[in-house]
Amino acid sequence: MTTTVYRRKYAKRQRGALIAYPAGGQDVYRLCQSVDSLERLVREIQRELPTDRQNDVERRLWGCLP
């Protein structure tokens, strides 16, 4: 599952005159940003490795995600 699903679920919504996150939504949004940043960092480092190590990193990366 990607962070897109969570971002959509906890996106800002209009409540009367206010546009705000649902309860806990801002924390979820920040967590999604952190996860996406870490994934980009891993991908950047992964590109510098030989192919067999890239495959190992890929397996380990997806193995830790639900």
PDB file of N, CA and C in Angstrom:
ATOM      1  N   MET A   1       0.844  -1.177   0.000  1.00  0.00           N
ATOM      2  CA  MET A   1       0.000   0.000   0.000  1.00  0.00           C
ATOM      3  C   MET A   1       0.889   1.240   0.000  1.00  0.00           C
ATOM      4  N   THR A   2       0.519   2.210  -0.779  1.00  0.00           N
ATOM      5  CA  THR A   2       1.300   3.441  -0.854  1.00  0.00           C
ATOM      6  C   THR A   2       0.711   4.498   0.079  1.00  0.00           C
ATOM      7  N   THR A   3       1.448   5.559   0.248  1.00  0.00           N
ATOM      8  CA  THR A   3       0.963   6.639   1.119  1.00  0.00           C
ATOM      9  C   THR A   3      -0.192   7.399   0.474  1.00  0.00           C
ATOM     10  N   THR A   4      -0.394   7.207  -0.825  1.00  0.00           N
ATOM     11  CA  THR A   4      -1.480   7.898  -1.527  1.00  0.00           C
ATOM     12  C   THR A   4      -2.834   7.583  -0.909  1.00  0.00           C
ATOM     13  N   VAL A   5      -3.036   6.323  -0.535  1.00  0.00           N
ATOM     14  CA  VAL A   5      -4.305   5.899   0.064  1.00  0.00           C
ATOM     15  C   VAL A   5      -4.538   6.656   1.376  1.00  0.00           C
ATOM     16  N   TYR A   6      -3.498   6.747   2.196  1.00  0.00           N
ATOM     17  CA  TYR A   6      -3.629   7.439   3.480  1.00  0.00           C
ATOM     18  C   TYR A   6      -3.795   8.943   3.283  1.00  0.00           C
ATOM     19  N   ARG A   7      -3.067   9.498   2.324  1.00  0.00           N
ATOM     20  CA  ARG A   7      -3.201  10.934   2.057  1.00  0.00           C
ATOM     21  C   ARG A   7      -4.630  11.276   1.645  1.00  0.00           C
ATOM     22  N   ARG A   8      -5.210  10.419   0.818  1.00  0.00           N
ATOM     23  CA  ARG A   8      -6.587  10.652   0.367  1.00  0.00           C
ATOM     24  C   ARG A   8      -7.568  10.516   1.526  1.00  0.00           C
ATOM     25  N   LYS A   9      -7.363   9.487   2.354  1.00  0.00           N
ATOM     26  CA  LYS A   9      -8.274   9.233   3.474  1.00  0.00           C
ATOM     27  C   LYS A   9      -8.254  10.364   4.500  1.00  0.00           C
ATOM     28  N   TYR A  10      -7.065  10.924   4.751  1.00  0.00           N
ATOM     29  CA  TYR A  10      -6.926  11.959   5.784  1.00  0.00           C
ATOM     30  C   TYR A  10      -6.710  13.357   5.199  1.00  0.00           C
ATOM     31  N   ALA A  11      -7.145  13.572   3.975  1.00  0.00           N
ATOM     32  CA  ALA A  11      -6.988  14.887   3.331  1.00  0.00           C
ATOM     33  C   ALA A  11      -7.856  15.929   4.037  1.00  0.00           C
ATOM     34  N   LYS A  12      -7.498  17.177   3.812  1.00  0.00           N
ATOM     35  CA  LYS A  12      -8.293  18.278   4.378  1.00  0.00           C
ATOM     36  C   LYS A  12      -9.702  18.210   3.815  1.00  0.00           C
ATOM     37  N   ARG A  13     -10.661  18.507   4.669  1.00  0.00           N
ATOM     38  CA  ARG A  13     -12.066  18.504   4.260  1.00  0.00           C
ATOM     39  C   ARG A  13     -12.737  19.776   4.763  1.00  0.00           C
ATOM     40  N   GLN A  14     -13.763  20.128   4.051  1.00  0.00           N
ATOM     41  CA  GLN A  14     -14.509  21.317   4.457  1.00  0.00           C
ATOM     42  C   GLN A  14     -15.548  20.929   5.504  1.00  0.00           C
ATOM     43  N   ARG A  15     -15.530  21.672   6.590  1.00  0.00           N
ATOM     44  CA  ARG A  15     -16.522  21.525   7.656  1.00  0.00           C
ATOM     45  C   ARG A  15     -17.103  22.899   7.918  1.00  0.00           C
ATOM     46  N   GLY A  16     -18.235  23.133   7.335  1.00  0.00           N
ATOM     47  CA  GLY A  16     -18.818  24.466   7.465  1.00  0.00           C
ATOM     48  C   GLY A  16     -17.937  25.475   6.748  1.00  0.00           C
ATOM     49  N   ALA A  17     -17.485  26.486   7.471  1.00  0.00           N
ATOM     50  CA  ALA A  17     -16.626  27.512   6.891  1.00  0.00           C
ATOM     51  C   ALA A  17     -15.148  27.134   6.971  1.00  0.00           C
ATOM     52  N   LEU A  18     -14.821  26.090   7.726  1.00  0.00           N
ATOM     53  CA  LEU A  18     -13.431  25.678   7.920  1.00  0.00           C
ATOM     54  C   LEU A  18     -13.018  24.595   6.933  1.00  0.00           C
ATOM     55  N   ILE A  19     -11.764  24.642   6.532  1.00  0.00           N
ATOM     56  CA  ILE A  19     -11.158  23.546   5.781  1.00  0.00           C
ATOM     57  C   ILE A  19     -10.040  23.028   6.666  1.00  0.00           C
ATOM     58  N   ALA A  20     -10.187  21.786   7.134  1.00  0.00           N
ATOM     59  CA  ALA A  20      -9.221  21.244   8.087  1.00  0.00           C
ATOM     60  C   ALA A  20      -9.046  19.743   7.887  1.00  0.00           C
ATOM     61  N   TYR A  21      -7.972  19.221   8.490  1.00  0.00           N
ATOM     62  CA  TYR A  21      -7.739  17.782   8.488  1.00  0.00           C
ATOM     63  C   TYR A  21      -8.717  17.114   9.447  1.00  0.00           C
ATOM     64  N   PRO A  22      -9.110  15.866   9.178  1.00  0.00           N
ATOM     65  CA  PRO A  22      -9.886  15.128  10.176  1.00  0.00           C
ATOM     66  C   PRO A  22      -9.000  14.832  11.386  1.00  0.00           C
ATOM     67  N   ALA A  23      -9.562  14.317  12.445  1.00  0.00           N
ATOM     68  CA  ALA A  23      -8.793  14.036  13.659  1.00  0.00           C
ATOM     69  C   ALA A  23      -7.580  13.163  13.332  1.00  0.00           C
ATOM     70  N   GLY A  24      -6.406  13.628  13.705  1.00  0.00           N
ATOM     71  CA  GLY A  24      -5.168  12.893  13.460  1.00  0.00           C
ATOM     72  C   GLY A  24      -4.646  13.018  12.044  1.00  0.00           C
ATOM     73  N   GLY A  25      -5.364  13.687  11.182  1.00  0.00           N
ATOM     74  CA  GLY A  25      -5.000  13.783   9.766  1.00  0.00           C
ATOM     75  C   GLY A  25      -3.687  14.486   9.505  1.00  0.00           C
ATOM     76  N   GLN A  26      -3.415  15.536  10.260  1.00  0.00           N
ATOM     77  CA  GLN A  26      -2.164  16.262  10.050  1.00  0.00           C
ATOM     78  C   GLN A  26      -0.960  15.391  10.415  1.00  0.00           C
ATOM     79  N   ASP A  27      -1.087  14.597  11.463  1.00  0.00           N
ATOM     80  CA  ASP A  27      -0.011  13.677  11.850  1.00  0.00           C
ATOM     81  C   ASP A  27       0.194  12.607  10.782  1.00  0.00           C
ATOM     82  N   VAL A  28      -0.888  12.081  10.248  1.00  0.00           N
ATOM     83  CA  VAL A  28      -0.804  11.065   9.197  1.00  0.00           C
ATOM     84  C   VAL A  28      -0.148  11.666   7.963  1.00  0.00           C
ATOM     85  N   TYR A  29      -0.526  12.885   7.613  1.00  0.00           N
ATOM     86  CA  TYR A  29       0.053  13.554   6.460  1.00  0.00           C
ATOM     87  C   TYR A  29       1.563  13.720   6.637  1.00  0.00           C
ATOM     88  N   ARG A  30       2.009  14.163   7.822  1.00  0.00           N
ATOM     89  CA  ARG A  30       3.444  14.316   8.101  1.00  0.00           C
ATOM     90  C   ARG A  30       4.165  12.982   8.034  1.00  0.00           C
ATOM     91  N   LEU A  31       3.543  11.935   8.560  1.00  0.00           N
ATOM     92  CA  LEU A  31       4.129  10.605   8.511  1.00  0.00           C
ATOM     93  C   LEU A  31       4.283  10.142   7.061  1.00  0.00           C
ATOM     94  N   CYS A  32       3.294  10.400   6.239  1.00  0.00           N
ATOM     95  CA  CYS A  32       3.364  10.045   4.823  1.00  0.00           C
ATOM     96  C   CYS A  32       4.518  10.777   4.135  1.00  0.00           C
ATOM     97  N   GLN A  33       4.680  12.046   4.449  1.00  0.00           N
ATOM     98  CA  GLN A  33       5.793  12.807   3.878  1.00  0.00           C
ATOM     99  C   GLN A  33       7.133  12.197   4.277  1.00  0.00           C
ATOM    100  N   SER A  34       7.262  11.790   5.528  1.00  0.00           N
ATOM    101  CA  SER A  34       8.501  11.180   6.013  1.00  0.00           C
ATOM    102  C   SER A  34       8.773   9.856   5.315  1.00  0.00           C
ATOM    103  N   VAL A  35       7.754   9.038   5.182  1.00  0.00           N
ATOM    104  CA  VAL A  35       7.909   7.740   4.521  1.00  0.00           C
ATOM    105  C   VAL A  35       8.325   7.940   3.066  1.00  0.00           C
ATOM    106  N   ASP A  36       7.685   8.861   2.371  1.00  0.00           N
ATOM    107  CA  ASP A  36       8.034   9.124   0.975  1.00  0.00           C
ATOM    108  C   ASP A  36       9.460   9.645   0.845  1.00  0.00           C
ATOM    109  N   SER A  37       9.881  10.501   1.765  1.00  0.00           N
ATOM    110  CA  SER A  37      11.251  11.024   1.739  1.00  0.00           C
ATOM    111  C   SER A  37      12.267   9.906   1.977  1.00  0.00           C
ATOM    112  N   LEU A  38      11.986   9.036   2.919  1.00  0.00           N
ATOM    113  CA  LEU A  38      12.892   7.920   3.183  1.00  0.00           C
ATOM    114  C   LEU A  38      12.972   6.970   1.995  1.00  0.00           C
ATOM    115  N   GLU A  39      11.848   6.720   1.360  1.00  0.00           N
ATOM    116  CA  GLU A  39      11.859   5.842   0.183  1.00  0.00           C
ATOM    117  C   GLU A  39      12.695   6.460  -0.941  1.00  0.00           C
ATOM    118  N   ARG A  40      12.559   7.772  -1.166  1.00  0.00           N
ATOM    119  CA  ARG A  40      13.366   8.446  -2.185  1.00  0.00           C
ATOM    120  C   ARG A  40      14.859   8.335  -1.861  1.00  0.00           C
ATOM    121  N   LEU A  41      15.211   8.478  -0.590  1.00  0.00           N
ATOM    122  CA  LEU A  41      16.601   8.373  -0.169  1.00  0.00           C
ATOM    123  C   LEU A  41      17.144   6.972  -0.427  1.00  0.00           C
ATOM    124  N   VAL A  42      16.366   5.952  -0.062  1.00  0.00           N
ATOM    125  CA  VAL A  42      16.784   4.563  -0.298  1.00  0.00           C
ATOM    126  C   VAL A  42      16.966   4.325  -1.789  1.00  0.00           C
ATOM    127  N   ARG A  43      16.039   4.821  -2.605  1.00  0.00           N
ATOM    128  CA  ARG A  43      16.138   4.644  -4.066  1.00  0.00           C
ATOM    129  C   ARG A  43      17.401   5.311  -4.614  1.00  0.00           C
ATOM    130  N   GLU A  44      17.715   6.481  -4.108  1.00  0.00           N
ATOM    131  CA  GLU A  44      18.903   7.195  -4.566  1.00  0.00           C
ATOM    132  C   GLU A  44      20.172   6.400  -4.240  1.00  0.00           C
ATOM    133  N   ILE A  45      20.255   5.897  -3.034  1.00  0.00           N
ATOM    134  CA  ILE A  45      21.410   5.097  -2.619  1.00  0.00           C
ATOM    135  C   ILE A  45      21.443   3.777  -3.380  1.00  0.00           C
ATOM    136  N   GLN A  46      20.279   3.181  -3.585  1.00  0.00           N
ATOM    137  CA  GLN A  46      20.170   1.899  -4.262  1.00  0.00           C
ATOM    138  C   GLN A  46      20.748   1.961  -5.676  1.00  0.00           C
ATOM    139  N   ARG A  47      20.542   3.067  -6.368  1.00  0.00           N
ATOM    140  CA  ARG A  47      21.025   3.204  -7.750  1.00  0.00           C
ATOM    141  C   ARG A  47      22.548   3.120  -7.858  1.00  0.00           C
ATOM    142  N   GLU A  48      23.248   3.390  -6.770  1.00  0.00           N
ATOM    143  CA  GLU A  48      24.705   3.379  -6.788  1.00  0.00           C
ATOM    144  C   GLU A  48      25.279   1.988  -6.553  1.00  0.00           C
ATOM    145  N   LEU A  49      24.428   1.000  -6.274  1.00  0.00           N
ATOM    146  CA  LEU A  49      24.876  -0.353  -5.969  1.00  0.00           C
ATOM    147  C   LEU A  49      24.873  -1.232  -7.212  1.00  0.00           C
ATOM    148  N   PRO A  50      25.651  -2.339  -7.167  1.00  0.00           N
ATOM    149  CA  PRO A  50      25.569  -3.316  -8.255  1.00  0.00           C
ATOM    150  C   PRO A  50      24.177  -3.962  -8.275  1.00  0.00           C
ATOM    151  N   THR A  51      23.820  -4.552  -9.395  1.00  0.00           N
ATOM    152  CA  THR A  51      22.471  -5.085  -9.591  1.00  0.00           C
ATOM    153  C   THR A  51      22.050  -6.082  -8.522  1.00  0.00           C
ATOM    154  N   ASP A  52      22.927  -7.001  -8.136  1.00  0.00           N
ATOM    155  CA  ASP A  52      22.538  -8.003  -7.131  1.00  0.00           C
ATOM    156  C   ASP A  52      22.218  -7.351  -5.789  1.00  0.00           C
ATOM    157  N   ARG A  53      22.946  -6.320  -5.437  1.00  0.00           N
ATOM    158  CA  ARG A  53      22.664  -5.598  -4.185  1.00  0.00           C
ATOM    159  C   ARG A  53      21.388  -4.759  -4.324  1.00  0.00           C
ATOM    160  N   GLN A  54      21.144  -4.209  -5.505  1.00  0.00           N
ATOM    161  CA  GLN A  54      19.910  -3.464  -5.740  1.00  0.00           C
ATOM    162  C   GLN A  54      18.701  -4.365  -5.502  1.00  0.00           C
ATOM    163  N   ASN A  55      18.781  -5.585  -6.016  1.00  0.00           N
ATOM    164  CA  ASN A  55      17.680  -6.537  -5.834  1.00  0.00           C
ATOM    165  C   ASN A  55      17.482  -6.881  -4.367  1.00  0.00           C
ATOM    166  N   ASP A  56      18.574  -7.013  -3.621  1.00  0.00           N
ATOM    167  CA  ASP A  56      18.482  -7.309  -2.188  1.00  0.00           C
ATOM    168  C   ASP A  56      17.813  -6.150  -1.450  1.00  0.00           C
ATOM    169  N   VAL A  57      18.211  -4.934  -1.764  1.00  0.00           N
ATOM    170  CA  VAL A  57      17.609  -3.756  -1.138  1.00  0.00           C
ATOM    171  C   VAL A  57      16.119  -3.698  -1.464  1.00  0.00           C
ATOM    172  N   GLU A  58      15.771  -3.988  -2.715  1.00  0.00           N
ATOM    173  CA  GLU A  58      14.367  -3.966  -3.142  1.00  0.00           C
ATOM    174  C   GLU A  58      13.537  -4.966  -2.338  1.00  0.00           C
ATOM    175  N   ARG A  59      14.047  -6.191  -2.184  1.00  0.00           N
ATOM    176  CA  ARG A  59      13.336  -7.206  -1.395  1.00  0.00           C
ATOM    177  C   ARG A  59      13.164  -6.764   0.049  1.00  0.00           C
ATOM    178  N   ARG A  60      14.215  -6.213   0.624  1.00  0.00           N
ATOM    179  CA  ARG A  60      14.148  -5.776   2.013  1.00  0.00           C
ATOM    180  C   ARG A  60      13.208  -4.591   2.185  1.00  0.00           C
ATOM    181  N   LEU A  61      13.219  -3.669   1.226  1.00  0.00           N
ATOM    182  CA  LEU A  61      12.341  -2.504   1.281  1.00  0.00           C
ATOM    183  C   LEU A  61      10.881  -2.928   1.254  1.00  0.00           C
ATOM    184  N   TRP A  62      10.505  -3.764   0.298  1.00  0.00           N
ATOM    185  CA  TRP A  62       9.107  -4.181   0.174  1.00  0.00           C
ATOM    186  C   TRP A  62       8.728  -5.199   1.218  1.00  0.00           C
ATOM    187  N   GLY A  63       9.691  -5.899   1.791  1.00  0.00           N
ATOM    188  CA  GLY A  63       9.403  -6.860   2.850  1.00  0.00           C
ATOM    189  C   GLY A  63       8.980  -6.199   4.159  1.00  0.00           C
ATOM    190  N   CYS A  64       9.379  -4.948   4.361  1.00  0.00           N
ATOM    191  CA  CYS A  64       9.030  -4.254   5.602  1.00  0.00           C
ATOM    192  C   CYS A  64       7.706  -3.512   5.497  1.00  0.00           C
ATOM    193  N   LEU A  65       7.144  -3.432   4.290  1.00  0.00           N
ATOM    194  CA  LEU A  65       5.890  -2.716   4.095  1.00  0.00           C
ATOM    195  C   LEU A  65       4.714  -3.693   4.128  1.00  0.00           C
ATOM    196  N   PRO A  66       3.584  -3.254   4.684  1.00  0.00           N
ATOM    197  CA  PRO A  66       2.419  -4.160   4.723  1.00  0.00           C
ATOM    198  C   PRO A  66       1.811  -4.392   3.357  1.00  0.00           C
TER     199      PRO A  66
END
